[in-house]
Amino acid sequence: MSPDIQTRSFDFAVRVVRMCAELDKSAGVSRTLSNQVLRSGTSIGANIEEAQAGQSKADFISKMSIACKEARETLYWIRLFAATETLSAEKLAALQSEANEIVAILTTIVKRSRDNN
């Protein structure tokens, strides 16, 4: 597996943390949603790292599948931020695009890993 997904997921997590730090300055719904996206957005890379140390091919596939689910959840929260105008769609566009690409990459990794298992 290319280290590219590891780097991209880490860089993505950094962007999510920065966005959440900005959102946490406000109270209420923004803070609650921020906590949700912070958990899922940083979990992607953590699960990819765990997959690298997987004890078996099945463990690798499991961890990468979890990373993919977390990426999909993060995408949901980003879309919700845009739909509720918690953040402007323009501010979220690049993050949403990267989340979509990460989902696609992880989906491919999981599918190919299962096919080769």
N, C-alpha and C. Protein backbone atom coordinates (compact mmCIF):
# COMPACT_ATOMS: atom_id res chain seq x y z
N MET A 1 0.84 -1.18 0.00
CA MET A 1 0.00 0.00 0.00
C MET A 1 0.89 1.24 0.00
N SER A 2 0.51 2.19 -0.76
CA SER A 2 1.24 3.44 -0.86
C SER A 2 1.13 4.25 0.42
N PRO A 3 2.22 4.86 0.85
CA PRO A 3 2.14 5.71 2.04
C PRO A 3 1.31 6.98 1.78
N ASP A 4 0.93 7.18 0.52
CA ASP A 4 0.16 8.36 0.17
C ASP A 4 -1.13 8.47 0.99
N ILE A 5 -1.84 7.36 1.19
CA ILE A 5 -3.09 7.43 1.96
C ILE A 5 -2.79 7.74 3.42
N GLN A 6 -1.66 7.29 3.92
CA GLN A 6 -1.29 7.63 5.30
C GLN A 6 -1.04 9.13 5.42
N THR A 7 -0.28 9.67 4.49
CA THR A 7 0.02 11.10 4.50
C THR A 7 -1.25 11.92 4.30
N ARG A 8 -2.05 11.52 3.33
CA ARG A 8 -3.28 12.27 3.05
C ARG A 8 -4.24 12.23 4.23
N SER A 9 -4.37 11.08 4.88
CA SER A 9 -5.30 11.00 6.02
C SER A 9 -4.78 11.83 7.19
N PHE A 10 -3.46 11.87 7.38
CA PHE A 10 -2.89 12.69 8.44
C PHE A 10 -3.11 14.17 8.15
N ASP A 11 -2.80 14.59 6.92
CA ASP A 11 -3.01 15.99 6.54
C ASP A 11 -4.48 16.38 6.65
N PHE A 12 -5.37 15.46 6.29
CA PHE A 12 -6.80 15.69 6.40
C PHE A 12 -7.18 15.90 7.87
N ALA A 13 -6.65 15.06 8.74
CA ALA A 13 -6.93 15.18 10.18
C ALA A 13 -6.47 16.53 10.71
N VAL A 14 -5.32 16.99 10.26
CA VAL A 14 -4.82 18.31 10.68
C VAL A 14 -5.82 19.39 10.28
N ARG A 15 -6.32 19.30 9.06
CA ARG A 15 -7.30 20.30 8.59
C ARG A 15 -8.59 20.23 9.40
N VAL A 16 -9.03 19.02 9.75
CA VAL A 16 -10.24 18.85 10.56
C VAL A 16 -10.02 19.45 11.95
N VAL A 17 -8.87 19.18 12.55
CA VAL A 17 -8.57 19.73 13.88
C VAL A 17 -8.60 21.26 13.83
N ARG A 18 -8.00 21.84 12.82
CA ARG A 18 -7.98 23.31 12.71
C ARG A 18 -9.39 23.87 12.53
N MET A 19 -10.21 23.19 11.71
CA MET A 19 -11.58 23.64 11.50
C MET A 19 -12.35 23.56 12.82
N CYS A 20 -12.18 22.47 13.54
CA CYS A 20 -12.89 22.28 14.80
C CYS A 20 -12.45 23.28 15.86
N ALA A 21 -11.17 23.62 15.88
CA ALA A 21 -10.67 24.63 16.82
C ALA A 21 -11.37 25.96 16.58
N GLU A 22 -11.60 26.27 15.32
CA GLU A 22 -12.30 27.50 14.97
C GLU A 22 -13.77 27.41 15.39
N LEU A 23 -14.39 26.28 15.15
CA LEU A 23 -15.81 26.10 15.50
C LEU A 23 -16.03 26.09 17.02
N ASP A 24 -15.06 25.60 17.75
CA ASP A 24 -15.22 25.49 19.20
C ASP A 24 -15.25 26.85 19.89
N LYS A 25 -14.93 27.89 19.17
CA LYS A 25 -15.00 29.23 19.76
C LYS A 25 -16.45 29.66 19.96
N SER A 26 -17.36 29.00 19.23
CA SER A 26 -18.78 29.28 19.40
C SER A 26 -19.38 28.22 20.30
N ALA A 27 -20.59 28.45 20.73
CA ALA A 27 -21.25 27.51 21.64
C ALA A 27 -22.39 26.80 20.92
N GLY A 28 -22.96 25.86 21.61
CA GLY A 28 -24.18 25.23 21.12
C GLY A 28 -23.95 24.17 20.08
N VAL A 29 -24.79 24.20 19.06
CA VAL A 29 -24.82 23.17 18.02
C VAL A 29 -23.48 23.06 17.31
N SER A 30 -22.85 24.16 17.01
CA SER A 30 -21.57 24.13 16.31
C SER A 30 -20.55 23.31 17.08
N ARG A 31 -20.50 23.48 18.37
CA ARG A 31 -19.54 22.74 19.20
C ARG A 31 -19.87 21.25 19.21
N THR A 32 -21.13 20.92 19.30
CA THR A 32 -21.55 19.52 19.31
C THR A 32 -21.20 18.84 17.99
N LEU A 33 -21.51 19.49 16.89
CA LEU A 33 -21.17 18.94 15.57
C LEU A 33 -19.66 18.86 15.39
N SER A 34 -18.97 19.85 15.90
CA SER A 34 -17.51 19.88 15.81
C SER A 34 -16.90 18.66 16.50
N ASN A 35 -17.43 18.30 17.64
CA ASN A 35 -16.93 17.12 18.35
C ASN A 35 -17.13 15.85 17.53
N GLN A 36 -18.24 15.77 16.84
CA GLN A 36 -18.53 14.59 16.02
C GLN A 36 -17.52 14.47 14.87
N VAL A 37 -17.33 15.55 14.15
CA VAL A 37 -16.42 15.50 12.99
C VAL A 37 -14.98 15.37 13.45
N LEU A 38 -14.65 15.90 14.60
CA LEU A 38 -13.30 15.76 15.14
C LEU A 38 -12.98 14.28 15.41
N ARG A 39 -13.93 13.59 16.02
CA ARG A 39 -13.72 12.17 16.33
C ARG A 39 -13.56 11.34 15.05
N SER A 40 -14.50 11.50 14.13
CA SER A 40 -14.45 10.67 12.92
C SER A 40 -13.30 11.09 12.00
N GLY A 41 -13.06 12.38 11.88
CA GLY A 41 -12.03 12.87 10.96
C GLY A 41 -10.61 12.51 11.36
N THR A 42 -10.38 12.39 12.66
CA THR A 42 -9.05 12.00 13.12
C THR A 42 -8.91 10.48 13.24
N SER A 43 -10.02 9.80 13.30
CA SER A 43 -10.01 8.34 13.42
C SER A 43 -9.60 7.66 12.12
N ILE A 44 -9.80 8.32 11.01
CA ILE A 44 -9.45 7.73 9.70
C ILE A 44 -7.97 7.33 9.69
N GLY A 45 -7.12 8.29 9.92
CA GLY A 45 -5.68 8.04 9.90
C GLY A 45 -5.23 7.08 10.99
N ALA A 46 -5.86 7.17 12.15
CA ALA A 46 -5.49 6.27 13.25
C ALA A 46 -5.76 4.82 12.86
N ASN A 47 -6.89 4.58 12.21
CA ASN A 47 -7.20 3.21 11.77
C ASN A 47 -6.30 2.75 10.64
N ILE A 48 -5.90 3.65 9.77
CA ILE A 48 -4.96 3.30 8.70
C ILE A 48 -3.62 2.91 9.31
N GLU A 49 -3.18 3.65 10.31
CA GLU A 49 -1.93 3.31 10.99
C GLU A 49 -2.03 1.95 11.67
N GLU A 50 -3.15 1.69 12.32
CA GLU A 50 -3.35 0.39 12.96
C GLU A 50 -3.34 -0.73 11.92
N ALA A 51 -3.92 -0.48 10.76
CA ALA A 51 -3.96 -1.49 9.70
C ALA A 51 -2.56 -1.88 9.27
N GLN A 52 -1.65 -0.92 9.27
CA GLN A 52 -0.28 -1.20 8.86
C GLN A 52 0.40 -2.21 9.79
N ALA A 53 -0.07 -2.27 11.02
CA ALA A 53 0.50 -3.20 11.99
C ALA A 53 -0.44 -4.39 12.21
N GLY A 54 -1.34 -4.59 11.27
CA GLY A 54 -2.32 -5.67 11.39
C GLY A 54 -1.64 -7.03 11.60
N GLN A 55 -2.27 -7.86 12.39
CA GLN A 55 -1.71 -9.17 12.71
C GLN A 55 -1.97 -10.18 11.60
N SER A 56 -2.89 -9.84 10.71
CA SER A 56 -3.23 -10.74 9.61
C SER A 56 -3.86 -9.92 8.49
N LYS A 57 -4.05 -10.55 7.36
CA LYS A 57 -4.72 -9.88 6.24
C LYS A 57 -6.14 -9.48 6.65
N ALA A 58 -6.82 -10.36 7.39
CA ALA A 58 -8.18 -10.07 7.85
C ALA A 58 -8.19 -8.85 8.79
N ASP A 59 -7.18 -8.75 9.65
CA ASP A 59 -7.07 -7.61 10.56
C ASP A 59 -6.84 -6.33 9.76
N PHE A 60 -5.97 -6.40 8.75
CA PHE A 60 -5.71 -5.26 7.87
C PHE A 60 -7.01 -4.81 7.21
N ILE A 61 -7.75 -5.76 6.64
CA ILE A 61 -9.00 -5.43 5.95
C ILE A 61 -10.01 -4.82 6.92
N SER A 62 -10.07 -5.37 8.11
CA SER A 62 -11.00 -4.86 9.13
C SER A 62 -10.68 -3.41 9.48
N LYS A 63 -9.42 -3.12 9.74
CA LYS A 63 -9.02 -1.76 10.13
C LYS A 63 -9.21 -0.77 8.97
N MET A 64 -8.90 -1.20 7.76
CA MET A 64 -9.10 -0.32 6.60
C MET A 64 -10.60 -0.09 6.35
N SER A 65 -11.41 -1.09 6.62
CA SER A 65 -12.87 -0.94 6.49
C SER A 65 -13.39 0.07 7.51
N ILE A 66 -12.86 0.01 8.72
CA ILE A 66 -13.25 0.97 9.75
C ILE A 66 -12.83 2.38 9.33
N ALA A 67 -11.62 2.51 8.79
CA ALA A 67 -11.15 3.82 8.31
C ALA A 67 -12.09 4.35 7.23
N CYS A 68 -12.53 3.48 6.34
CA CYS A 68 -13.45 3.88 5.28
C CYS A 68 -14.79 4.34 5.86
N LYS A 69 -15.30 3.62 6.84
CA LYS A 69 -16.55 4.01 7.49
C LYS A 69 -16.40 5.37 8.17
N GLU A 70 -15.27 5.58 8.83
CA GLU A 70 -15.03 6.86 9.49
C GLU A 70 -14.94 8.00 8.47
N ALA A 71 -14.34 7.72 7.32
CA ALA A 71 -14.25 8.73 6.26
C ALA A 71 -15.65 9.08 5.74
N ARG A 72 -16.49 8.07 5.58
CA ARG A 72 -17.87 8.32 5.14
C ARG A 72 -18.63 9.13 6.19
N GLU A 73 -18.43 8.81 7.46
CA GLU A 73 -19.09 9.57 8.52
C GLU A 73 -18.61 11.02 8.51
N THR A 74 -17.33 11.21 8.34
CA THR A 74 -16.78 12.57 8.29
C THR A 74 -17.38 13.35 7.14
N LEU A 75 -17.51 12.70 6.01
CA LEU A 75 -18.13 13.35 4.85
C LEU A 75 -19.56 13.77 5.17
N TYR A 76 -20.27 12.94 5.88
CA TYR A 76 -21.64 13.28 6.30
C TYR A 76 -21.64 14.56 7.12
N TRP A 77 -20.75 14.64 8.13
CA TRP A 77 -20.72 15.82 8.99
C TRP A 77 -20.35 17.07 8.19
N ILE A 78 -19.42 16.93 7.27
CA ILE A 78 -19.03 18.08 6.44
C ILE A 78 -20.22 18.55 5.60
N ARG A 79 -20.95 17.61 5.01
CA ARG A 79 -22.14 17.96 4.23
C ARG A 79 -23.18 18.64 5.12
N LEU A 80 -23.31 18.17 6.36
CA LEU A 80 -24.26 18.77 7.29
C LEU A 80 -23.85 20.19 7.65
N PHE A 81 -22.55 20.41 7.87
CA PHE A 81 -22.06 21.78 8.12
C PHE A 81 -22.46 22.71 6.98
N ALA A 82 -22.28 22.24 5.75
CA ALA A 82 -22.61 23.06 4.59
C ALA A 82 -24.12 23.29 4.48
N ALA A 83 -24.90 22.23 4.66
CA ALA A 83 -26.36 22.33 4.51
C ALA A 83 -26.99 23.24 5.56
N THR A 84 -26.42 23.26 6.76
CA THR A 84 -26.96 24.09 7.83
C THR A 84 -26.30 25.46 7.89
N GLU A 85 -25.36 25.68 6.99
CA GLU A 85 -24.62 26.93 6.91
C GLU A 85 -23.86 27.23 8.21
N THR A 86 -23.48 26.15 8.89
CA THR A 86 -22.62 26.30 10.07
C THR A 86 -21.28 26.86 9.61
N LEU A 87 -20.83 26.38 8.47
CA LEU A 87 -19.69 26.94 7.75
C LEU A 87 -20.12 27.09 6.30
N SER A 88 -19.53 28.03 5.61
CA SER A 88 -19.93 28.24 4.22
C SER A 88 -19.48 27.07 3.35
N ALA A 89 -20.27 26.80 2.33
CA ALA A 89 -19.95 25.72 1.39
C ALA A 89 -18.59 25.97 0.74
N GLU A 90 -18.26 27.23 0.52
CA GLU A 90 -16.97 27.57 -0.09
C GLU A 90 -15.82 27.17 0.82
N LYS A 91 -15.96 27.41 2.12
CA LYS A 91 -14.91 27.03 3.07
C LYS A 91 -14.75 25.52 3.17
N LEU A 92 -15.84 24.81 2.95
CA LEU A 92 -15.84 23.37 3.12
C LEU A 92 -15.52 22.60 1.83
N ALA A 93 -15.54 23.28 0.70
CA ALA A 93 -15.42 22.59 -0.60
C ALA A 93 -14.16 21.73 -0.70
N ALA A 94 -13.01 22.28 -0.35
CA ALA A 94 -11.76 21.53 -0.47
C ALA A 94 -11.73 20.36 0.50
N LEU A 95 -12.23 20.56 1.71
CA LEU A 95 -12.27 19.49 2.70
C LEU A 95 -13.22 18.38 2.26
N GLN A 96 -14.35 18.77 1.71
CA GLN A 96 -15.32 17.80 1.22
C GLN A 96 -14.76 17.01 0.04
N SER A 97 -14.06 17.68 -0.83
CA SER A 97 -13.44 17.02 -1.97
C SER A 97 -12.40 16.00 -1.51
N GLU A 98 -11.57 16.39 -0.55
CA GLU A 98 -10.56 15.47 -0.04
C GLU A 98 -11.20 14.29 0.68
N ALA A 99 -12.27 14.53 1.42
CA ALA A 99 -12.98 13.44 2.09
C ALA A 99 -13.52 12.45 1.06
N ASN A 100 -14.09 12.96 -0.02
CA ASN A 100 -14.58 12.10 -1.10
C ASN A 100 -13.46 11.25 -1.69
N GLU A 101 -12.32 11.85 -1.91
CA GLU A 101 -11.19 11.12 -2.48
C GLU A 101 -10.66 10.07 -1.52
N ILE A 102 -10.62 10.38 -0.24
CA ILE A 102 -10.16 9.41 0.75
C ILE A 102 -11.12 8.23 0.81
N VAL A 103 -12.42 8.49 0.76
CA VAL A 103 -13.41 7.40 0.73
C VAL A 103 -13.16 6.51 -0.48
N ALA A 104 -12.95 7.12 -1.64
CA ALA A 104 -12.72 6.36 -2.87
C ALA A 104 -11.46 5.50 -2.77
N ILE A 105 -10.39 6.07 -2.26
CA ILE A 105 -9.13 5.33 -2.12
C ILE A 105 -9.30 4.16 -1.15
N LEU A 106 -9.90 4.42 -0.01
CA LEU A 106 -10.07 3.37 0.99
C LEU A 106 -11.02 2.28 0.49
N THR A 107 -12.05 2.66 -0.23
CA THR A 107 -12.97 1.68 -0.81
C THR A 107 -12.22 0.76 -1.76
N THR A 108 -11.36 1.33 -2.57
CA THR A 108 -10.56 0.54 -3.52
C THR A 108 -9.60 -0.38 -2.78
N ILE A 109 -8.93 0.13 -1.76
CA ILE A 109 -7.98 -0.69 -0.98
C ILE A 109 -8.70 -1.88 -0.36
N VAL A 110 -9.86 -1.63 0.25
CA VAL A 110 -10.61 -2.71 0.90
C VAL A 110 -11.08 -3.72 -0.13
N LYS A 111 -11.62 -3.24 -1.24
CA LYS A 111 -12.12 -4.15 -2.27
C LYS A 111 -10.99 -5.02 -2.83
N ARG A 112 -9.89 -4.41 -3.17
CA ARG A 112 -8.76 -5.17 -3.72
C ARG A 112 -8.18 -6.15 -2.70
N SER A 113 -8.13 -5.73 -1.44
CA SER A 113 -7.62 -6.61 -0.40
C SER A 113 -8.53 -7.82 -0.21
N ARG A 114 -9.83 -7.59 -0.26
CA ARG A 114 -10.77 -8.70 -0.15
C ARG A 114 -10.66 -9.64 -1.35
N ASP A 115 -10.53 -9.06 -2.55
CA ASP A 115 -10.42 -9.87 -3.76
C ASP A 115 -9.16 -10.74 -3.76
N ASN A 116 -8.09 -10.22 -3.15
CA ASN A 116 -6.82 -10.95 -3.11
C ASN A 116 -6.70 -11.86 -1.90
N ASN A 117 -7.73 -11.90 -1.08
CA ASN A 117 -7.67 -12.69 0.15
C ASN A 117 -8.06 -14.14 -0.10
